[in-house]
Amino acid sequence: MEQYGFAGKIARPAVAAPALTRPDWSAVSPRNPGLIWLDKNENLDPELMEITSKILAQIPVAALYSYPDAGPFYHKLGNYLGVEADHLLLAAGSDGVIRSVFEAFINPGDVVVHTQPTFAMYMVYGRIYGAQAVVMAYEPSDLGPVLPVDRVVETIARSKPKLVCLPNPDSPTGTVFPPLEMRRIIEAAGEAGAVILIDEAYHPFYINSVLPWVEAYPHLIVARTFSKAWGLAGLRVGYAVASPKTANLLHKVRPMYEVNTLAIYYMERMLDYSAEMLASVERINNGKDVFLAAMADLGFKTFRAEGNFLHVAFGDEAPVIHAALKNVVLYRPNFNDPCLKGYSRFSAAPAGLFGPVIRAIRQAVGKS
C-alpha cells in the first residue's frame, strides 16, 4: 500500500490492493469520425437517430438547472413494462444497477458466481466489495462459446453463493440460456439462498426475458439499460426490476439522485417511441444477418451472437483483412480468451452501414 501514500494506508484493503486496477481516466483516445464505429455495441441506426435528435431539440432548459424528480418517470416506465413503480430502481445504466446489487447484498468474503469472459464490472465490483469470486468459464466449440446449464446449476449448488451474476445474452460471448434453462438456474440460486442478477442489457435484440418472473422469485433482480436498443448509451440510464421488497433494499443504497434531470426529461418522451425502437432492432438484426451471410459466402466461420454484435473468424486471411479495414471501420479484431480465440467482433448495424465493410473485405481477399 506504500505506493498509494497516506490514503493507501487508510483505504479499505480491497480498494488499496494492487489487484484492483482501473483504466487511466485521463487518457485521451478519440475515435476517428471518418470511420464506421462498430467497436462498442452502440446503436448507429440513422432512422432511430432522427427520432432521438428530434427529442433532444425539445428538451427545456429546466432540465439543466433543476434537480431531478424521477417519480413520474418511474410510473411511466412501470406502465411500459407492466409492473408497478415499486418494482423499479433507476440507475446510471445497467452498470449502476450492478453496483447497487453488490452494495446492498455483498459483505467481504461472500461468494459471487459469474461467468468468464463477461462484463468487466462484475469482477471489479467483486473486488471492491471484497467478494470471493467463483468463475464459470465458457468453453470453445465449433458453434462458438458454450457453458452447459448443468455446470451452472452444479456450481451454484456447490459454492453456496450470496450472489449469482448472469448476463443473458452475455458479452462478449453473445451466448444465451433459453427460458427453461434460465428457470433451472434461477431456482438453483433460490435453493442455495442466493440473490440472482440477470442482466438483460441487450433486450430486445434477444426477445426472451425473465422480467415477468420477479413476483414468483423474490431473489431475482433483472437489470436493463437504454444504451443498446434505444440508442442512448451517452445518456447513462438503466433500471432494475425486482419484487417490491427486493427493490426497496436496492433503494436503500441509491444516491440522492439516481439519474439526472436531463435523462428523466428525455426518457419520459422517448418511451412514446417504443414501436420505433422495435423497428430499429429489426433493422439491426436484419443487418447482422446480411453481414453474416456475406462472410459465410466468403468461406469464413461466423457466430451469430444474440446481442447487437456478431463474430467472424477470418482465419488465414486475418492479417490482410485487418489491414484493409483499418481505414474503414472500428471493431474488435481479436480476443485473448480461449473461447473466442480467432474471432473478430463487429457491432450489429442496419445493412446499409455494413456495405463499405463488406466491400473492403471482399476486395482484400480478391472477391470484389
Protein backbone atom coordinates (compact mmCIF):
# COMPACT_ATOMS: atom_id res chain seq x y z
CA MET A 1 0.00 0.00 0.00
CA GLU A 2 3.03 2.28 0.21
CA GLN A 3 2.65 3.07 -3.49
CA TYR A 4 -0.63 4.85 -2.69
CA GLY A 5 0.82 7.04 0.07
CA PHE A 6 -1.16 8.04 3.15
CA ALA A 7 -4.56 7.39 1.53
CA GLY A 8 -3.49 3.86 0.68
CA LYS A 9 -2.76 3.16 4.35
CA ILE A 10 -6.28 4.01 5.47
CA ALA A 11 -8.28 2.81 2.47
CA ARG A 12 -10.26 -0.40 2.68
CA PRO A 13 -7.85 -3.27 1.89
CA ALA A 14 -9.92 -4.41 -1.09
CA VAL A 15 -9.65 -0.95 -2.65
CA ALA A 16 -5.96 -0.42 -1.89
CA ALA A 17 -4.98 -3.89 -3.14
CA PRO A 18 -2.79 -3.74 -6.29
CA ALA A 19 -5.01 -6.37 -7.91
CA LEU A 20 -7.80 -3.81 -8.25
CA THR A 21 -6.92 -1.52 -11.13
CA ARG A 22 -8.94 0.70 -13.44
CA PRO A 23 -8.18 2.24 -16.84
CA ASP A 24 -6.45 5.62 -16.91
CA TRP A 25 -9.24 8.20 -16.52
CA SER A 26 -7.07 10.95 -18.01
CA ALA A 27 -6.24 9.09 -21.21
CA VAL A 28 -7.40 10.74 -24.43
CA SER A 29 -8.36 8.31 -27.19
CA PRO A 30 -10.92 9.92 -29.51
CA ARG A 31 -12.43 7.79 -32.24
CA ASN A 32 -11.93 8.85 -35.84
CA PRO A 33 -15.26 10.33 -37.04
CA GLY A 34 -14.36 9.27 -40.58
CA LEU A 35 -14.64 5.59 -39.68
CA ILE A 36 -17.73 3.44 -39.04
CA TRP A 37 -17.99 2.88 -35.28
CA LEU A 38 -18.72 -0.82 -34.79
CA ASP A 39 -16.46 -1.34 -31.78
CA LYS A 40 -18.61 -0.67 -28.70
CA ASN A 41 -22.03 -2.20 -29.47
CA GLU A 42 -23.70 1.17 -29.89
CA ASN A 43 -26.88 1.72 -31.91
CA LEU A 44 -25.99 3.55 -35.15
CA ASP A 45 -29.38 3.23 -36.84
CA PRO A 46 -29.89 6.51 -38.78
CA GLU A 47 -33.70 6.30 -38.58
CA LEU A 48 -33.64 5.98 -34.79
CA MET A 49 -31.13 8.84 -34.62
CA GLU A 50 -33.63 11.11 -36.34
CA ILE A 51 -36.07 10.48 -33.51
CA THR A 52 -33.51 10.91 -30.74
CA SER A 53 -32.31 14.16 -32.32
CA LYS A 54 -35.87 15.49 -32.50
CA ILE A 55 -36.47 14.75 -28.83
CA LEU A 56 -33.20 16.37 -27.85
CA ALA A 57 -34.27 19.58 -29.55
CA GLN A 58 -37.46 19.63 -27.46
CA ILE A 59 -35.80 19.38 -24.04
CA PRO A 60 -36.45 22.56 -21.97
CA VAL A 61 -33.69 24.47 -20.24
CA ALA A 62 -35.21 23.43 -16.89
CA ALA A 63 -33.63 20.03 -17.49
CA LEU A 64 -30.28 21.69 -16.86
CA TYR A 65 -30.91 23.94 -13.88
CA SER A 66 -33.41 21.88 -11.86
CA TYR A 67 -32.80 18.92 -9.57
CA PRO A 68 -34.33 15.60 -10.69
CA ASP A 69 -37.88 14.49 -9.90
CA ALA A 70 -37.97 10.89 -11.06
CA GLY A 71 -41.43 9.99 -9.72
CA PRO A 72 -43.43 10.49 -12.95
CA PHE A 73 -40.85 8.57 -14.95
CA TYR A 74 -40.96 5.64 -12.50
CA HIS A 75 -44.71 5.34 -13.12
CA LYS A 76 -44.44 5.74 -16.90
CA LEU A 77 -41.66 3.15 -17.08
CA GLY A 78 -43.70 0.81 -14.90
CA ASN A 79 -46.70 1.15 -17.23
CA TYR A 80 -44.45 0.38 -20.21
CA LEU A 81 -43.04 -2.74 -18.52
CA GLY A 82 -46.32 -3.90 -16.99
CA VAL A 83 -45.18 -3.57 -13.37
CA GLU A 84 -45.87 -1.13 -10.54
CA ALA A 85 -43.37 1.62 -9.83
CA ASP A 86 -42.40 -0.03 -6.55
CA HIS A 87 -40.72 -2.81 -8.56
CA LEU A 88 -38.18 -0.42 -10.11
CA LEU A 89 -34.86 1.24 -9.41
CA LEU A 90 -33.38 3.75 -11.84
CA ALA A 91 -29.61 3.82 -12.15
CA ALA A 92 -26.70 5.02 -14.28
CA GLY A 93 -27.03 2.30 -16.89
CA SER A 94 -27.08 -1.40 -16.06
CA ASP A 95 -23.64 -0.74 -14.56
CA GLY A 96 -25.33 1.33 -11.84
CA VAL A 97 -27.77 -1.49 -11.15
CA ILE A 98 -24.92 -3.97 -10.75
CA ARG A 99 -23.13 -1.74 -8.26
CA SER A 100 -26.34 -1.26 -6.25
CA VAL A 101 -26.81 -5.02 -6.04
CA PHE A 102 -23.26 -5.55 -4.77
CA GLU A 103 -23.64 -2.70 -2.29
CA ALA A 104 -26.93 -4.00 -0.95
CA PHE A 105 -26.01 -7.66 -0.60
CA ILE A 106 -22.25 -8.32 -0.55
CA ASN A 107 -20.04 -8.37 2.53
CA PRO A 108 -16.30 -9.17 2.45
CA GLY A 109 -15.80 -12.88 1.94
CA ASP A 110 -19.22 -13.55 0.38
CA VAL A 111 -19.17 -15.82 -2.66
CA VAL A 112 -20.21 -14.34 -6.00
CA VAL A 113 -20.63 -16.59 -9.04
CA HIS A 114 -20.18 -15.09 -12.50
CA THR A 115 -19.15 -16.14 -15.99
CA GLN A 116 -15.86 -15.57 -17.81
CA PRO A 117 -15.45 -13.72 -20.11
CA THR A 118 -18.22 -11.30 -19.22
CA PHE A 119 -18.87 -7.63 -18.47
CA ALA A 120 -15.73 -6.42 -16.68
CA MET A 121 -17.57 -4.66 -13.84
CA TYR A 122 -18.68 -7.92 -12.22
CA MET A 123 -15.06 -8.66 -11.38
CA VAL A 124 -14.36 -5.02 -10.44
CA TYR A 125 -17.29 -4.73 -8.04
CA GLY A 126 -16.48 -8.14 -6.63
CA ARG A 127 -13.03 -6.89 -5.68
CA ILE A 128 -14.29 -3.52 -4.41
CA TYR A 129 -16.70 -5.22 -2.01
CA GLY A 130 -14.28 -7.98 -1.03
CA ALA A 131 -16.20 -10.87 -2.55
CA GLN A 132 -14.81 -14.31 -3.26
CA ALA A 133 -15.33 -14.93 -6.96
CA VAL A 134 -16.30 -18.33 -8.34
CA VAL A 135 -15.85 -18.15 -12.10
CA MET A 136 -17.62 -20.29 -14.69
CA ALA A 137 -15.53 -20.20 -17.87
CA TYR A 138 -17.09 -20.53 -21.30
CA GLU A 139 -15.57 -23.31 -23.38
CA PRO A 140 -14.65 -23.08 -27.08
CA SER A 141 -16.61 -25.19 -29.55
CA ASP A 142 -17.34 -25.36 -33.28
CA LEU A 143 -20.57 -23.47 -32.54
CA GLY A 144 -18.91 -20.71 -30.51
CA PRO A 145 -18.57 -20.33 -26.71
CA VAL A 146 -20.59 -22.77 -24.61
CA LEU A 147 -21.45 -23.10 -20.92
CA PRO A 148 -23.63 -26.13 -20.12
CA VAL A 149 -26.56 -25.37 -17.85
CA ASP A 150 -25.76 -28.44 -15.75
CA ARG A 151 -22.39 -26.93 -14.88
CA VAL A 152 -24.03 -23.66 -13.86
CA VAL A 153 -26.53 -25.41 -11.60
CA GLU A 154 -23.81 -27.62 -10.09
CA THR A 155 -21.53 -24.63 -9.45
CA ILE A 156 -24.31 -22.77 -7.62
CA ALA A 157 -25.20 -25.80 -5.51
CA ARG A 158 -21.56 -26.48 -4.63
CA SER A 159 -20.33 -22.95 -3.90
CA LYS A 160 -23.41 -21.71 -1.96
CA PRO A 161 -23.00 -18.11 -3.20
CA LYS A 162 -24.59 -14.94 -1.87
CA LEU A 163 -24.98 -13.62 -5.43
CA VAL A 164 -25.14 -15.10 -8.93
CA CYS A 165 -24.49 -12.71 -11.84
CA LEU A 166 -25.58 -13.87 -15.27
CA PRO A 167 -25.99 -11.62 -18.31
CA ASN A 168 -28.43 -13.07 -20.83
CA PRO A 169 -27.21 -12.53 -23.53
CA ASP A 170 -23.72 -12.46 -22.13
CA SER A 171 -20.99 -10.23 -23.54
CA PRO A 172 -18.62 -10.60 -25.29
CA THR A 173 -19.75 -14.16 -25.97
CA GLY A 174 -23.27 -13.36 -27.18
CA THR A 175 -24.48 -16.61 -25.61
CA VAL A 176 -27.89 -17.14 -24.00
CA PHE A 177 -29.67 -19.60 -21.79
CA PRO A 178 -33.19 -20.28 -23.15
CA PRO A 179 -36.18 -19.90 -20.81
CA LEU A 180 -36.32 -23.46 -19.47
CA GLU A 181 -32.62 -23.39 -18.61
CA MET A 182 -32.95 -19.93 -17.07
CA ARG A 183 -35.70 -21.21 -14.80
CA ARG A 184 -33.43 -24.05 -13.64
CA ILE A 185 -30.64 -21.59 -12.86
CA ILE A 186 -32.91 -19.14 -11.02
CA GLU A 187 -34.42 -21.92 -8.94
CA ALA A 188 -30.94 -23.30 -8.16
CA ALA A 189 -29.93 -19.88 -6.88
CA GLY A 190 -33.03 -19.73 -4.69
CA GLU A 191 -32.33 -23.17 -3.24
CA ALA A 192 -28.79 -22.04 -2.41
CA GLY A 193 -30.09 -18.91 -0.67
CA ALA A 194 -28.57 -16.58 -3.27
CA VAL A 195 -29.73 -13.43 -4.98
CA ILE A 196 -29.54 -13.79 -8.77
CA LEU A 197 -28.96 -10.82 -11.07
CA ILE A 198 -29.96 -11.42 -14.69
CA ASP A 199 -28.50 -8.67 -16.87
CA GLU A 200 -30.73 -8.12 -19.92
CA ALA A 201 -28.81 -5.16 -21.33
CA TYR A 202 -29.33 -6.48 -24.87
CA HIS A 203 -33.10 -6.85 -24.64
CA PRO A 204 -34.96 -6.87 -27.03
CA PHE A 205 -32.25 -7.86 -29.54
CA TYR A 206 -32.83 -11.13 -27.72
CA ILE A 207 -36.54 -11.11 -27.03
CA ASN A 208 -36.83 -13.73 -24.26
CA SER A 209 -36.92 -12.20 -20.80
CA VAL A 210 -37.24 -13.31 -17.19
CA LEU A 211 -38.73 -9.97 -16.14
CA PRO A 212 -42.26 -11.44 -15.74
CA TRP A 213 -40.86 -13.84 -13.14
CA VAL A 214 -39.83 -11.28 -10.49
CA GLU A 215 -43.01 -11.81 -8.46
CA ALA A 216 -42.58 -15.58 -8.43
CA TYR A 217 -38.89 -15.37 -7.48
CA PRO A 218 -38.23 -12.69 -4.82
CA HIS A 219 -34.48 -13.38 -5.07
CA LEU A 220 -34.47 -12.40 -8.78
CA ILE A 221 -33.27 -8.98 -9.98
CA VAL A 222 -33.36 -8.02 -13.66
CA ALA A 223 -31.08 -5.28 -14.98
CA ARG A 224 -31.74 -3.38 -18.20
CA THR A 225 -30.41 -0.32 -19.96
CA PHE A 226 -31.47 2.25 -22.55
CA SER A 227 -27.96 2.19 -24.04
CA LYS A 228 -28.39 -0.55 -26.65
CA ALA A 229 -31.76 -0.96 -28.36
CA TRP A 230 -32.85 2.60 -27.51
CA GLY A 231 -29.63 4.11 -28.90
CA LEU A 232 -28.88 6.22 -25.79
CA ALA A 233 -25.53 4.97 -24.49
CA GLY A 234 -24.39 8.53 -23.74
CA LEU A 235 -27.41 9.26 -21.54
CA ARG A 236 -26.42 6.58 -18.97
CA VAL A 237 -29.86 5.40 -17.89
CA GLY A 238 -30.72 1.90 -16.79
CA TYR A 239 -33.05 0.23 -14.33
CA ALA A 240 -33.60 -2.77 -12.13
CA VAL A 241 -36.83 -4.74 -11.88
CA ALA A 242 -37.46 -6.84 -8.78
CA SER A 243 -40.15 -7.73 -6.27
CA PRO A 244 -41.16 -4.70 -4.17
CA LYS A 245 -39.31 -5.91 -1.05
CA THR A 246 -36.12 -6.54 -3.01
CA ALA A 247 -36.42 -3.24 -4.88
CA ASN A 248 -36.83 -1.49 -1.52
CA LEU A 249 -33.46 -2.88 -0.41
CA LEU A 250 -31.82 -1.52 -3.55
CA HIS A 251 -33.35 1.90 -2.93
CA LYS A 252 -31.71 1.99 0.49
CA VAL A 253 -28.29 2.25 -1.19
CA ARG A 254 -29.26 4.57 -4.03
CA PRO A 255 -27.61 8.01 -4.24
CA MET A 256 -29.57 11.20 -3.57
CA TYR A 257 -30.49 11.38 -7.27
CA GLU A 258 -30.25 8.10 -9.13
CA VAL A 259 -30.34 9.71 -12.60
CA ASN A 260 -30.06 13.29 -13.84
CA THR A 261 -32.87 15.64 -14.83
CA LEU A 262 -31.90 15.70 -18.50
CA ALA A 263 -32.17 11.91 -18.65
CA ILE A 264 -35.60 11.96 -16.99
CA TYR A 265 -36.98 14.61 -19.35
CA TYR A 266 -35.55 12.72 -22.30
CA MET A 267 -36.74 9.24 -21.37
CA GLU A 268 -40.27 10.39 -20.49
CA ARG A 269 -40.55 11.40 -24.16
CA MET A 270 -38.55 8.55 -25.65
CA LEU A 271 -40.82 5.88 -24.15
CA ASP A 272 -43.53 7.10 -26.52
CA TYR A 273 -41.42 5.73 -29.38
CA SER A 274 -41.20 2.10 -28.31
CA ALA A 275 -42.62 0.91 -31.66
CA GLU A 276 -39.90 2.86 -33.48
CA MET A 277 -37.29 1.31 -31.18
CA LEU A 278 -38.53 -2.18 -32.06
CA ALA A 279 -38.40 -1.31 -35.75
CA SER A 280 -34.79 -0.22 -35.26
CA VAL A 281 -33.99 -3.54 -33.57
CA GLU A 282 -35.48 -5.35 -36.55
CA ARG A 283 -33.35 -3.32 -38.98
CA ILE A 284 -30.20 -4.01 -36.98
CA ASN A 285 -30.91 -7.73 -36.64
CA ASN A 286 -31.53 -7.84 -40.36
CA GLY A 287 -28.21 -6.06 -40.98
CA LYS A 288 -26.49 -8.62 -38.76
CA ASP A 289 -27.92 -11.45 -40.88
CA VAL A 290 -26.84 -9.72 -44.11
CA PHE A 291 -23.26 -9.30 -42.86
CA LEU A 292 -23.04 -12.85 -41.52
CA ALA A 293 -24.37 -14.26 -44.79
CA ALA A 294 -21.79 -12.26 -46.74
CA MET A 295 -18.99 -13.57 -44.51
CA ALA A 296 -20.21 -17.16 -44.77
CA ASP A 297 -20.36 -16.75 -48.56
CA LEU A 298 -16.65 -15.87 -48.45
CA GLY A 299 -15.98 -19.07 -46.53
CA PHE A 300 -15.41 -17.53 -43.09
CA LYS A 301 -16.57 -19.11 -39.86
CA THR A 302 -19.22 -16.99 -38.10
CA PHE A 303 -21.04 -16.91 -34.78
CA ARG A 304 -24.40 -15.13 -34.56
CA ALA A 305 -24.29 -13.57 -31.11
CA GLU A 306 -27.69 -12.79 -29.59
CA GLY A 307 -26.84 -9.18 -28.66
CA ASN A 308 -26.34 -6.33 -31.10
CA PHE A 309 -23.00 -7.73 -32.21
CA LEU A 310 -21.56 -10.71 -34.09
CA HIS A 311 -18.32 -12.65 -34.51
CA VAL A 312 -16.34 -13.63 -37.59
CA ALA A 313 -13.19 -15.78 -37.76
CA PHE A 314 -11.09 -14.65 -40.74
CA GLY A 315 -8.59 -17.49 -40.38
CA ASP A 316 -5.51 -17.26 -42.58
CA GLU A 317 -6.92 -14.14 -44.25
CA ALA A 318 -7.00 -12.21 -40.96
CA PRO A 319 -3.80 -10.13 -41.47
CA VAL A 320 -4.79 -8.84 -44.90
CA ILE A 321 -8.39 -8.19 -43.83
CA HIS A 322 -7.39 -6.31 -40.68
CA ALA A 323 -5.08 -4.14 -42.79
CA ALA A 324 -7.86 -3.46 -45.30
CA LEU A 325 -10.37 -2.49 -42.60
CA LYS A 326 -8.01 -0.13 -40.77
CA ASN A 327 -9.25 2.92 -42.67
CA VAL A 328 -12.88 1.80 -42.92
CA VAL A 329 -14.25 0.64 -39.58
CA LEU A 330 -13.56 0.38 -35.86
CA TYR A 331 -14.19 -3.10 -34.44
CA ARG A 332 -12.70 -5.63 -32.01
CA PRO A 333 -10.10 -7.51 -34.10
CA ASN A 334 -9.28 -10.28 -31.62
CA PHE A 335 -9.77 -11.74 -28.14
CA ASN A 336 -7.38 -13.26 -25.65
CA ASP A 337 -9.95 -15.59 -24.12
CA PRO A 338 -9.74 -19.17 -25.48
CA CYS A 339 -13.49 -19.42 -26.11
CA LEU A 340 -13.30 -16.57 -28.67
CA LYS A 341 -9.79 -17.17 -29.99
CA GLY A 342 -9.55 -16.30 -33.68
CA TYR A 343 -12.81 -14.33 -33.77
CA SER A 344 -13.30 -10.64 -34.54
CA ARG A 345 -16.35 -8.81 -33.16
CA PHE A 346 -18.42 -6.21 -35.00
CA SER A 347 -21.34 -4.29 -33.56
CA ALA A 348 -24.53 -5.00 -35.48
CA ALA A 349 -25.95 -2.23 -37.66
CA PRO A 350 -28.51 -1.72 -40.42
CA ALA A 351 -27.46 -3.41 -43.66
CA GLY A 352 -26.52 -0.15 -45.37
CA LEU A 353 -23.81 0.61 -42.82
CA PHE A 354 -22.23 -2.79 -43.42
CA GLY A 355 -21.89 -2.14 -47.16
CA PRO A 356 -18.43 -0.48 -47.06
CA VAL A 357 -17.16 -3.12 -44.63
CA ILE A 358 -18.29 -6.00 -46.84
CA ARG A 359 -16.76 -4.38 -49.92
CA ALA A 360 -13.42 -3.83 -48.17
CA ILE A 361 -13.30 -7.47 -47.01
CA ARG A 362 -14.20 -8.80 -50.45
CA GLN A 363 -11.54 -6.66 -52.08
CA ALA A 364 -8.96 -7.77 -49.54
CA VAL A 365 -9.48 -11.44 -50.40
CA GLY A 366 -9.78 -10.85 -54.16
CA LYS A 367 -13.55 -11.39 -54.39
CA SER A 368 -14.60 -7.88 -55.41
